[in-house]
Amino acid sequence: MGSDDNYAPSQLTGDGATVNNLKLQANNYLTKANTSLSSLQSYPAVQTVFVRYNTSLTSSVAVKRLFSCTGLIATSRQNRLSDSTFEKLLMLKANHYEP
């Protein structure tokens, strides 16, 4: 397989016939006028690649870290910060800038 085959996930690759089938399905899907998600069901290999690479990742850890930083900035001593100033301080703190 060459570098053109990077779109195929490793569990779908195999002998030459399988790779050709993957390429055929991908080309048929890309040239089809109907590009709705329901049309993916006609192309199982393309659907598998779509699900594998087009799934959003959860970001709960990053959000928890950001909320933790807000607690360090929005204290009783700094309760009158403007939205703009608060946002700037939060971004500085989240990016580990120590003034």
PDB file of N, CA and C in Angstrom:
ATOM      1  N   MET A   1       0.833  -1.192   0.000  1.00  0.00           N
ATOM      2  CA  MET A   1       0.000   0.000   0.000  1.00  0.00           C
ATOM      3  C   MET A   1       0.868   1.242   0.000  1.00  0.00           C
ATOM      4  N   GLY A   2       0.444   2.242  -0.742  1.00  0.00           N
ATOM      5  CA  GLY A   2       1.188   3.480  -0.837  1.00  0.00           C
ATOM      6  C   GLY A   2       0.644   4.518   0.113  1.00  0.00           C
ATOM      7  N   SER A   3       1.180   5.708  -0.005  1.00  0.00           N
ATOM      8  CA  SER A   3       0.740   6.790   0.872  1.00  0.00           C
ATOM      9  C   SER A   3      -0.673   7.254   0.534  1.00  0.00           C
ATOM     10  N   ASP A   4      -1.189   6.873  -0.645  1.00  0.00           N
ATOM     11  CA  ASP A   4      -2.553   7.248  -1.009  1.00  0.00           C
ATOM     12  C   ASP A   4      -3.580   6.497  -0.179  1.00  0.00           C
ATOM     13  N   ASP A   5      -3.164   5.430   0.493  1.00  0.00           N
ATOM     14  CA  ASP A   5      -4.093   4.587   1.224  1.00  0.00           C
ATOM     15  C   ASP A   5      -4.216   4.982   2.687  1.00  0.00           C
ATOM     16  N   ASN A   6      -3.764   6.159   3.074  1.00  0.00           N
ATOM     17  CA  ASN A   6      -3.793   6.568   4.468  1.00  0.00           C
ATOM     18  C   ASN A   6      -5.205   6.725   5.011  1.00  0.00           C
ATOM     19  N   TYR A   7      -6.198   6.860   4.162  1.00  0.00           N
ATOM     20  CA  TYR A   7      -7.556   7.047   4.639  1.00  0.00           C
ATOM     21  C   TYR A   7      -8.147   5.763   5.181  1.00  0.00           C
ATOM     22  N   ALA A   8      -7.570   4.611   4.863  1.00  0.00           N
ATOM     23  CA  ALA A   8      -8.121   3.326   5.282  1.00  0.00           C
ATOM     24  C   ALA A   8      -7.596   2.958   6.662  1.00  0.00           C
ATOM     25  N   PRO A   9      -8.481   2.693   7.634  1.00  0.00           N
ATOM     26  CA  PRO A   9      -8.011   2.267   8.941  1.00  0.00           C
ATOM     27  C   PRO A   9      -7.368   0.893   8.862  1.00  0.00           C
ATOM     28  N   SER A  10      -6.475   0.600   9.778  1.00  0.00           N
ATOM     29  CA  SER A  10      -5.680  -0.616   9.695  1.00  0.00           C
ATOM     30  C   SER A  10      -6.529  -1.878   9.740  1.00  0.00           C
ATOM     31  N   GLN A  11      -7.658  -1.882  10.456  1.00  0.00           N
ATOM     32  CA  GLN A  11      -8.450  -3.101  10.532  1.00  0.00           C
ATOM     33  C   GLN A  11      -9.199  -3.383   9.230  1.00  0.00           C
ATOM     34  N   LEU A  12      -9.271  -2.435   8.322  1.00  0.00           N
ATOM     35  CA  LEU A  12      -9.957  -2.660   7.055  1.00  0.00           C
ATOM     36  C   LEU A  12      -9.004  -3.043   5.934  1.00  0.00           C
ATOM     37  N   THR A  13      -7.714  -2.848   6.141  1.00  0.00           N
ATOM     38  CA  THR A  13      -6.766  -3.145   5.080  1.00  0.00           C
ATOM     39  C   THR A  13      -6.480  -4.631   5.045  1.00  0.00           C
ATOM     40  N   GLY A  14      -6.064  -5.104   3.933  1.00  0.00           N
ATOM     41  CA  GLY A  14      -5.782  -6.522   3.797  1.00  0.00           C
ATOM     42  C   GLY A  14      -5.159  -6.790   2.451  1.00  0.00           C
ATOM     43  N   ASP A  15      -5.678  -7.780   1.749  1.00  0.00           N
ATOM     44  CA  ASP A  15      -5.121  -8.121   0.449  1.00  0.00           C
ATOM     45  C   ASP A  15      -5.482  -7.050  -0.583  1.00  0.00           C
ATOM     46  N   GLY A  16      -4.955  -7.198  -1.779  1.00  0.00           N
ATOM     47  CA  GLY A  16      -5.171  -6.206  -2.833  1.00  0.00           C
ATOM     48  C   GLY A  16      -6.628  -6.002  -3.175  1.00  0.00           C
ATOM     49  N   ALA A  17      -7.435  -7.078  -3.142  1.00  0.00           N
ATOM     50  CA  ALA A  17      -8.858  -6.958  -3.467  1.00  0.00           C
ATOM     51  C   ALA A  17      -9.578  -6.099  -2.444  1.00  0.00           C
ATOM     52  N   THR A  18      -9.215  -6.253  -1.169  1.00  0.00           N
ATOM     53  CA  THR A  18      -9.845  -5.458  -0.120  1.00  0.00           C
ATOM     54  C   THR A  18      -9.489  -3.987  -0.275  1.00  0.00           C
ATOM     55  N   VAL A  19      -8.230  -3.712  -0.549  1.00  0.00           N
ATOM     56  CA  VAL A  19      -7.790  -2.333  -0.722  1.00  0.00           C
ATOM     57  C   VAL A  19      -8.479  -1.717  -1.940  1.00  0.00           C
ATOM     58  N   ASN A  20      -8.591  -2.461  -3.015  1.00  0.00           N
ATOM     59  CA  ASN A  20      -9.285  -1.951  -4.209  1.00  0.00           C
ATOM     60  C   ASN A  20     -10.751  -1.688  -3.907  1.00  0.00           C
ATOM     61  N   ASN A  21     -11.377  -2.545  -3.105  1.00  0.00           N
ATOM     62  CA  ASN A  21     -12.773  -2.341  -2.716  1.00  0.00           C
ATOM     63  C   ASN A  21     -12.913  -1.057  -1.898  1.00  0.00           C
ATOM     64  N   LEU A  22     -11.951  -0.811  -0.996  1.00  0.00           N
ATOM     65  CA  LEU A  22     -11.973   0.420  -0.200  1.00  0.00           C
ATOM     66  C   LEU A  22     -11.864   1.652  -1.092  1.00  0.00           C
ATOM     67  N   LYS A  23     -10.942   1.593  -2.035  1.00  0.00           N
ATOM     68  CA  LYS A  23     -10.765   2.725  -2.949  1.00  0.00           C
ATOM     69  C   LYS A  23     -12.015   2.943  -3.796  1.00  0.00           C
ATOM     70  N   LEU A  24     -12.614   1.846  -4.256  1.00  0.00           N
ATOM     71  CA  LEU A  24     -13.821   1.945  -5.072  1.00  0.00           C
ATOM     72  C   LEU A  24     -14.968   2.572  -4.283  1.00  0.00           C
ATOM     73  N   GLN A  25     -15.163   2.115  -3.036  1.00  0.00           N
ATOM     74  CA  GLN A  25     -16.224   2.689  -2.196  1.00  0.00           C
ATOM     75  C   GLN A  25     -15.974   4.171  -1.936  1.00  0.00           C
ATOM     76  N   ALA A  26     -14.733   4.526  -1.634  1.00  0.00           N
ATOM     77  CA  ALA A  26     -14.418   5.926  -1.355  1.00  0.00           C
ATOM     78  C   ALA A  26     -14.653   6.790  -2.581  1.00  0.00           C
ATOM     79  N   ASN A  27     -14.200   6.341  -3.730  1.00  0.00           N
ATOM     80  CA  ASN A  27     -14.413   7.114  -4.961  1.00  0.00           C
ATOM     81  C   ASN A  27     -15.893   7.235  -5.308  1.00  0.00           C
ATOM     82  N   ASN A  28     -16.650   6.152  -5.146  1.00  0.00           N
ATOM     83  CA  ASN A  28     -18.088   6.205  -5.415  1.00  0.00           C
ATOM     84  C   ASN A  28     -18.796   7.177  -4.481  1.00  0.00           C
ATOM     85  N   TYR A  29     -18.423   7.143  -3.205  1.00  0.00           N
ATOM     86  CA  TYR A  29     -19.054   8.057  -2.244  1.00  0.00           C
ATOM     87  C   TYR A  29     -18.718   9.515  -2.562  1.00  0.00           C
ATOM     88  N   LEU A  30     -17.454   9.773  -2.889  1.00  0.00           N
ATOM     89  CA  LEU A  30     -17.033  11.150  -3.140  1.00  0.00           C
ATOM     90  C   LEU A  30     -17.611  11.723  -4.429  1.00  0.00           C
ATOM     91  N   THR A  31     -17.937  10.881  -5.389  1.00  0.00           N
ATOM     92  CA  THR A  31     -18.508  11.370  -6.648  1.00  0.00           C
ATOM     93  C   THR A  31     -20.025  11.396  -6.624  1.00  0.00           C
ATOM     94  N   LYS A  32     -20.632  10.841  -5.596  1.00  0.00           N
ATOM     95  CA  LYS A  32     -22.091  10.803  -5.482  1.00  0.00           C
ATOM     96  C   LYS A  32     -22.615  12.191  -5.111  1.00  0.00           C
ATOM     97  N   ALA A  33     -23.740  12.559  -5.678  1.00  0.00           N
ATOM     98  CA  ALA A  33     -24.327  13.879  -5.417  1.00  0.00           C
ATOM     99  C   ALA A  33     -24.886  13.972  -4.000  1.00  0.00           C
ATOM    100  N   ASN A  34     -25.469  12.897  -3.502  1.00  0.00           N
ATOM    101  CA  ASN A  34     -26.064  12.889  -2.167  1.00  0.00           C
ATOM    102  C   ASN A  34     -24.964  12.623  -1.138  1.00  0.00           C
ATOM    103  N   THR A  35     -24.638  13.615  -0.344  1.00  0.00           N
ATOM    104  CA  THR A  35     -23.601  13.452   0.672  1.00  0.00           C
ATOM    105  C   THR A  35     -24.175  13.518   2.080  1.00  0.00           C
ATOM    106  N   SER A  36     -25.434  13.158   2.247  1.00  0.00           N
ATOM    107  CA  SER A  36     -26.027  13.154   3.578  1.00  0.00           C
ATOM    108  C   SER A  36     -25.455  11.991   4.383  1.00  0.00           C
ATOM    109  N   LEU A  37     -25.574  12.076   5.700  1.00  0.00           N
ATOM    110  CA  LEU A  37     -25.047  11.019   6.552  1.00  0.00           C
ATOM    111  C   LEU A  37     -25.738   9.690   6.316  1.00  0.00           C
ATOM    112  N   SER A  38     -27.001   9.722   5.955  1.00  0.00           N
ATOM    113  CA  SER A  38     -27.712   8.463   5.716  1.00  0.00           C
ATOM    114  C   SER A  38     -27.163   7.724   4.500  1.00  0.00           C
ATOM    115  N   SER A  39     -26.540   8.433   3.566  1.00  0.00           N
ATOM    116  CA  SER A  39     -25.971   7.770   2.392  1.00  0.00           C
ATOM    117  C   SER A  39     -24.723   6.967   2.736  1.00  0.00           C
ATOM    118  N   LEU A  40     -24.127   7.201   3.898  1.00  0.00           N
ATOM    119  CA  LEU A  40     -22.956   6.440   4.310  1.00  0.00           C
ATOM    120  C   LEU A  40     -23.272   4.963   4.514  1.00  0.00           C
ATOM    121  N   GLN A  41     -24.531   4.635   4.769  1.00  0.00           N
ATOM    122  CA  GLN A  41     -24.893   3.241   5.016  1.00  0.00           C
ATOM    123  C   GLN A  41     -24.686   2.371   3.789  1.00  0.00           C
ATOM    124  N   SER A  42     -24.636   2.965   2.616  1.00  0.00           N
ATOM    125  CA  SER A  42     -24.387   2.212   1.396  1.00  0.00           C
ATOM    126  C   SER A  42     -22.907   1.910   1.210  1.00  0.00           C
ATOM    127  N   TYR A  43     -22.053   2.557   1.996  1.00  0.00           N
ATOM    128  CA  TYR A  43     -20.610   2.414   1.868  1.00  0.00           C
ATOM    129  C   TYR A  43     -20.019   2.068   3.240  1.00  0.00           C
ATOM    130  N   PRO A  44     -20.026   0.802   3.636  1.00  0.00           N
ATOM    131  CA  PRO A  44     -19.598   0.439   4.996  1.00  0.00           C
ATOM    132  C   PRO A  44     -18.144   0.803   5.310  1.00  0.00           C
ATOM    133  N   ALA A  45     -17.255   0.702   4.339  1.00  0.00           N
ATOM    134  CA  ALA A  45     -15.851   1.052   4.599  1.00  0.00           C
ATOM    135  C   ALA A  45     -15.712   2.546   4.848  1.00  0.00           C
ATOM    136  N   VAL A  46     -16.401   3.345   4.061  1.00  0.00           N
ATOM    137  CA  VAL A  46     -16.358   4.804   4.239  1.00  0.00           C
ATOM    138  C   VAL A  46     -17.006   5.170   5.568  1.00  0.00           C
ATOM    139  N   GLN A  47     -18.074   4.477   5.923  1.00  0.00           N
ATOM    140  CA  GLN A  47     -18.749   4.745   7.186  1.00  0.00           C
ATOM    141  C   GLN A  47     -17.826   4.450   8.375  1.00  0.00           C
ATOM    142  N   THR A  48     -17.070   3.372   8.295  1.00  0.00           N
ATOM    143  CA  THR A  48     -16.148   3.031   9.372  1.00  0.00           C
ATOM    144  C   THR A  48     -15.062   4.089   9.518  1.00  0.00           C
ATOM    145  N   VAL A  49     -14.528   4.544   8.412  1.00  0.00           N
ATOM    146  CA  VAL A  49     -13.503   5.594   8.441  1.00  0.00           C
ATOM    147  C   VAL A  49     -14.112   6.889   8.982  1.00  0.00           C
ATOM    148  N   PHE A  50     -15.319   7.223   8.557  1.00  0.00           N
ATOM    149  CA  PHE A  50     -15.998   8.436   9.015  1.00  0.00           C
ATOM    150  C   PHE A  50     -16.187   8.415  10.527  1.00  0.00           C
ATOM    151  N   VAL A  51     -16.674   7.302  11.055  1.00  0.00           N
ATOM    152  CA  VAL A  51     -16.918   7.208  12.490  1.00  0.00           C
ATOM    153  C   VAL A  51     -15.609   7.269  13.266  1.00  0.00           C
ATOM    154  N   ARG A  52     -14.580   6.640  12.721  1.00  0.00           N
ATOM    155  CA  ARG A  52     -13.301   6.606  13.428  1.00  0.00           C
ATOM    156  C   ARG A  52     -12.657   7.982  13.510  1.00  0.00           C
ATOM    157  N   TYR A  53     -12.693   8.742  12.430  1.00  0.00           N
ATOM    158  CA  TYR A  53     -11.962  10.008  12.388  1.00  0.00           C
ATOM    159  C   TYR A  53     -12.840  11.247  12.549  1.00  0.00           C
ATOM    160  N   ASN A  54     -14.143  11.111  12.588  1.00  0.00           N
ATOM    161  CA  ASN A  54     -15.019  12.274  12.698  1.00  0.00           C
ATOM    162  C   ASN A  54     -15.810  12.242  14.004  1.00  0.00           C
ATOM    163  N   THR A  55     -15.271  11.622  15.005  1.00  0.00           N
ATOM    164  CA  THR A  55     -15.914  11.557  16.306  1.00  0.00           C
ATOM    165  C   THR A  55     -15.246  12.574  17.213  1.00  0.00           C
ATOM    166  N   SER A  56     -16.027  13.395  17.859  1.00  0.00           N
ATOM    167  CA  SER A  56     -15.442  14.406  18.732  1.00  0.00           C
ATOM    168  C   SER A  56     -14.908  13.760  20.003  1.00  0.00           C
ATOM    169  N   LEU A  57     -13.860  14.329  20.518  1.00  0.00           N
ATOM    170  CA  LEU A  57     -13.252  13.840  21.739  1.00  0.00           C
ATOM    171  C   LEU A  57     -13.846  14.585  22.924  1.00  0.00           C
ATOM    172  N   THR A  58     -13.965  13.886  24.025  1.00  0.00           N
ATOM    173  CA  THR A  58     -14.468  14.555  25.221  1.00  0.00           C
ATOM    174  C   THR A  58     -13.388  15.461  25.771  1.00  0.00           C
ATOM    175  N   SER A  59     -13.805  16.544  26.349  1.00  0.00           N
ATOM    176  CA  SER A  59     -12.844  17.516  26.864  1.00  0.00           C
ATOM    177  C   SER A  59     -13.126  17.849  28.317  1.00  0.00           C
ATOM    178  N   SER A  60     -13.648  16.903  29.075  1.00  0.00           N
ATOM    179  CA  SER A  60     -14.024  17.199  30.446  1.00  0.00           C
ATOM    180  C   SER A  60     -12.822  17.580  31.310  1.00  0.00           C
ATOM    181  N   VAL A  61     -11.670  16.980  31.057  1.00  0.00           N
ATOM    182  CA  VAL A  61     -10.487  17.309  31.851  1.00  0.00           C
ATOM    183  C   VAL A  61     -10.076  18.756  31.616  1.00  0.00           C
ATOM    184  N   ALA A  62     -10.070  19.167  30.359  1.00  0.00           N
ATOM    185  CA  ALA A  62      -9.689  20.550  30.049  1.00  0.00           C
ATOM    186  C   ALA A  62     -10.691  21.534  30.641  1.00  0.00           C
ATOM    187  N   VAL A  63     -11.968  21.202  30.599  1.00  0.00           N
ATOM    188  CA  VAL A  63     -12.991  22.094  31.153  1.00  0.00           C
ATOM    189  C   VAL A  63     -12.860  22.174  32.662  1.00  0.00           C
ATOM    190  N   LYS A  64     -12.615  21.049  33.319  1.00  0.00           N
ATOM    191  CA  LYS A  64     -12.436  21.058  34.777  1.00  0.00           C
ATOM    192  C   LYS A  64     -11.223  21.893  35.161  1.00  0.00           C
ATOM    193  N   ARG A  65     -10.162  21.788  34.387  1.00  0.00           N
ATOM    194  CA  ARG A  65      -8.962  22.571  34.660  1.00  0.00           C
ATOM    195  C   ARG A  65      -9.246  24.062  34.510  1.00  0.00           C
ATOM    196  N   LEU A  66     -10.029  24.419  33.494  1.00  0.00           N
ATOM    197  CA  LEU A  66     -10.364  25.821  33.270  1.00  0.00           C
ATOM    198  C   LEU A  66     -11.227  26.363  34.407  1.00  0.00           C
ATOM    199  N   PHE A  67     -12.225  25.561  34.850  1.00  0.00           N
ATOM    200  CA  PHE A  67     -13.059  25.999  35.966  1.00  0.00           C
ATOM    201  C   PHE A  67     -12.236  26.127  37.247  1.00  0.00           C
ATOM    202  N   SER A  68     -11.247  25.284  37.412  1.00  0.00           N
ATOM    203  CA  SER A  68     -10.378  25.384  38.575  1.00  0.00           C
ATOM    204  C   SER A  68      -9.626  26.711  38.555  1.00  0.00           C
ATOM    205  N   CYS A  69      -9.189  27.117  37.387  1.00  0.00           N
ATOM    206  CA  CYS A  69      -8.492  28.406  37.259  1.00  0.00           C
ATOM    207  C   CYS A  69      -9.422  29.573  37.562  1.00  0.00           C
ATOM    208  N   THR A  70     -10.684  29.468  37.185  1.00  0.00           N
ATOM    209  CA  THR A  70     -11.613  30.573  37.448  1.00  0.00           C
ATOM    210  C   THR A  70     -11.793  30.785  38.939  1.00  0.00           C
ATOM    211  N   GLY A  71     -11.754  29.695  39.715  1.00  0.00           N
ATOM    212  CA  GLY A  71     -11.867  29.820  41.164  1.00  0.00           C
ATOM    213  C   GLY A  71     -10.688  30.546  41.775  1.00  0.00           C
ATOM    214  N   LEU A  72      -9.540  30.471  41.137  1.00  0.00           N
ATOM    215  CA  LEU A  72      -8.358  31.163  41.641  1.00  0.00           C
ATOM    216  C   LEU A  72      -8.359  32.637  41.272  1.00  0.00           C
ATOM    217  N   ILE A  73      -9.099  33.006  40.243  1.00  0.00           N
ATOM    218  CA  ILE A  73      -9.138  34.393  39.782  1.00  0.00           C
ATOM    219  C   ILE A  73     -10.316  35.141  40.391  1.00  0.00           C
ATOM    220  N   ALA A  74     -11.477  34.539  40.379  1.00  0.00           N
ATOM    221  CA  ALA A  74     -12.693  35.201  40.870  1.00  0.00           C
ATOM    222  C   ALA A  74     -12.799  35.015  42.383  1.00  0.00           C
ATOM    223  N   THR A  75     -12.020  35.749  43.108  1.00  0.00           N
ATOM    224  CA  THR A  75     -12.033  35.667  44.566  1.00  0.00           C
ATOM    225  C   THR A  75     -12.807  36.859  45.130  1.00  0.00           C
ATOM    226  N   SER A  76     -12.983  36.854  46.433  1.00  0.00           N
ATOM    227  CA  SER A  76     -13.709  37.970  47.063  1.00  0.00           C
ATOM    228  C   SER A  76     -12.923  39.274  46.941  1.00  0.00           C
ATOM    229  N   ARG A  77     -11.628  39.196  46.785  1.00  0.00           N
ATOM    230  CA  ARG A  77     -10.820  40.410  46.629  1.00  0.00           C
ATOM    231  C   ARG A  77     -10.865  40.945  45.199  1.00  0.00           C
ATOM    232  N   GLN A  78     -11.215  40.097  44.255  1.00  0.00           N
ATOM    233  CA  GLN A  78     -11.248  40.507  42.848  1.00  0.00           C
ATOM    234  C   GLN A  78     -12.652  40.314  42.271  1.00  0.00           C
ATOM    235  N   ASN A  79     -13.663  40.718  43.000  1.00  0.00           N
ATOM    236  CA  ASN A  79     -15.030  40.491  42.556  1.00  0.00           C
ATOM    237  C   ASN A  79     -15.568  41.565  41.610  1.00  0.00           C
ATOM    238  N   ARG A  80     -14.787  42.576  41.290  1.00  0.00           N
ATOM    239  CA  ARG A  80     -15.265  43.644  40.417  1.00  0.00           C
ATOM    240  C   ARG A  80     -14.490  43.728  39.114  1.00  0.00           C
ATOM    241  N   LEU A  81     -13.952  42.611  38.675  1.00  0.00           N
ATOM    242  CA  LEU A  81     -13.224  42.588  37.409  1.00  0.00           C
ATOM    243  C   LEU A  81     -14.202  42.700  36.252  1.00  0.00           C
ATOM    244  N   SER A  82     -13.802  43.425  35.237  1.00  0.00           N
ATOM    245  CA  SER A  82     -14.644  43.474  34.035  1.00  0.00           C
ATOM    246  C   SER A  82     -14.543  42.123  33.325  1.00  0.00           C
ATOM    247  N   ASP A  83     -15.478  41.854  32.440  1.00  0.00           N
ATOM    248  CA  ASP A  83     -15.473  40.596  31.694  1.00  0.00           C
ATOM    249  C   ASP A  83     -14.191  40.439  30.897  1.00  0.00           C
ATOM    250  N   SER A  84     -13.778  41.529  30.284  1.00  0.00           N
ATOM    251  CA  SER A  84     -12.570  41.496  29.462  1.00  0.00           C
ATOM    252  C   SER A  84     -11.330  41.192  30.302  1.00  0.00           C
ATOM    253  N   THR A  85     -11.202  41.862  31.448  1.00  0.00           N
ATOM    254  CA  THR A  85     -10.055  41.642  32.327  1.00  0.00           C
ATOM    255  C   THR A  85     -10.065  40.225  32.885  1.00  0.00           C
ATOM    256  N   PHE A  86     -11.251  39.764  33.290  1.00  0.00           N
ATOM    257  CA  PHE A  86     -11.365  38.403  33.810  1.00  0.00           C
ATOM    258  C   PHE A  86     -10.948  37.380  32.757  1.00  0.00           C
ATOM    259  N   GLU A  87     -11.395  37.579  31.527  1.00  0.00           N
ATOM    260  CA  GLU A  87     -11.047  36.656  30.444  1.00  0.00           C
ATOM    261  C   GLU A  87      -9.539  36.660  30.193  1.00  0.00           C
ATOM    262  N   LYS A  88      -8.932  37.844  30.200  1.00  0.00           N
ATOM    263  CA  LYS A  88      -7.486  37.927  29.991  1.00  0.00           C
ATOM    264  C   LYS A  88      -6.715  37.233  31.110  1.00  0.00           C
ATOM    265  N   LEU A  89      -7.116  37.469  32.356  1.00  0.00           N
ATOM    266  CA  LEU A  89      -6.462  36.812  33.485  1.00  0.00           C
ATOM    267  C   LEU A  89      -6.634  35.299  33.429  1.00  0.00           C
ATOM    268  N   LEU A  90      -7.817  34.854  33.034  1.00  0.00           N
ATOM    269  CA  LEU A  90      -8.085  33.426  32.931  1.00  0.00           C
ATOM    270  C   LEU A  90      -7.209  32.780  31.864  1.00  0.00           C
ATOM    271  N   MET A  91      -7.070  33.433  30.723  1.00  0.00           N
ATOM    272  CA  MET A  91      -6.228  32.884  29.659  1.00  0.00           C
ATOM    273  C   MET A  91      -4.757  32.865  30.080  1.00  0.00           C
ATOM    274  N   LEU A  92      -4.313  33.900  30.776  1.00  0.00           N
ATOM    275  CA  LEU A  92      -2.936  33.905  31.263  1.00  0.00           C
ATOM    276  C   LEU A  92      -2.701  32.787  32.268  1.00  0.00           C
ATOM    277  N   LYS A  93      -3.634  32.600  33.173  1.00  0.00           N
ATOM    278  CA  LYS A  93      -3.505  31.552  34.182  1.00  0.00           C
ATOM    279  C   LYS A  93      -3.584  30.168  33.555  1.00  0.00           C
ATOM    280  N   ALA A  94      -4.498  29.985  32.624  1.00  0.00           N
ATOM    281  CA  ALA A  94      -4.676  28.669  31.981  1.00  0.00           C
ATOM    282  C   ALA A  94      -3.459  28.299  31.155  1.00  0.00           C
ATOM    283  N   ASN A  95      -2.754  29.292  30.624  1.00  0.00           N
ATOM    284  CA  ASN A  95      -1.567  29.033  29.814  1.00  0.00           C
ATOM    285  C   ASN A  95      -0.294  29.118  30.649  1.00  0.00           C
ATOM    286  N   HIS A  96      -0.422  29.106  31.965  1.00  0.00           N
ATOM    287  CA  HIS A  96       0.693  29.059  32.922  1.00  0.00           C
ATOM    288  C   HIS A  96       1.644  30.240  32.810  1.00  0.00           C
ATOM    289  N   TYR A  97       1.090  31.407  32.612  1.00  0.00           N
ATOM    290  CA  TYR A  97       1.920  32.614  32.607  1.00  0.00           C
ATOM    291  C   TYR A  97       1.945  33.171  34.016  1.00  0.00           C
ATOM    292  N   GLU A  98       3.146  33.345  34.556  1.00  0.00           N
ATOM    293  CA  GLU A  98       3.298  33.908  35.901  1.00  0.00           C
ATOM    294  C   GLU A  98       3.878  35.294  35.788  1.00  0.00           C
ATOM    295  N   PRO A  99       3.096  36.356  36.049  1.00  0.00           N
ATOM    296  CA  PRO A  99       3.624  37.725  35.934  1.00  0.00           C
ATOM    297  C   PRO A  99       4.615  38.041  37.027  1.00  0.00           C
TER     298      PRO A  99
END
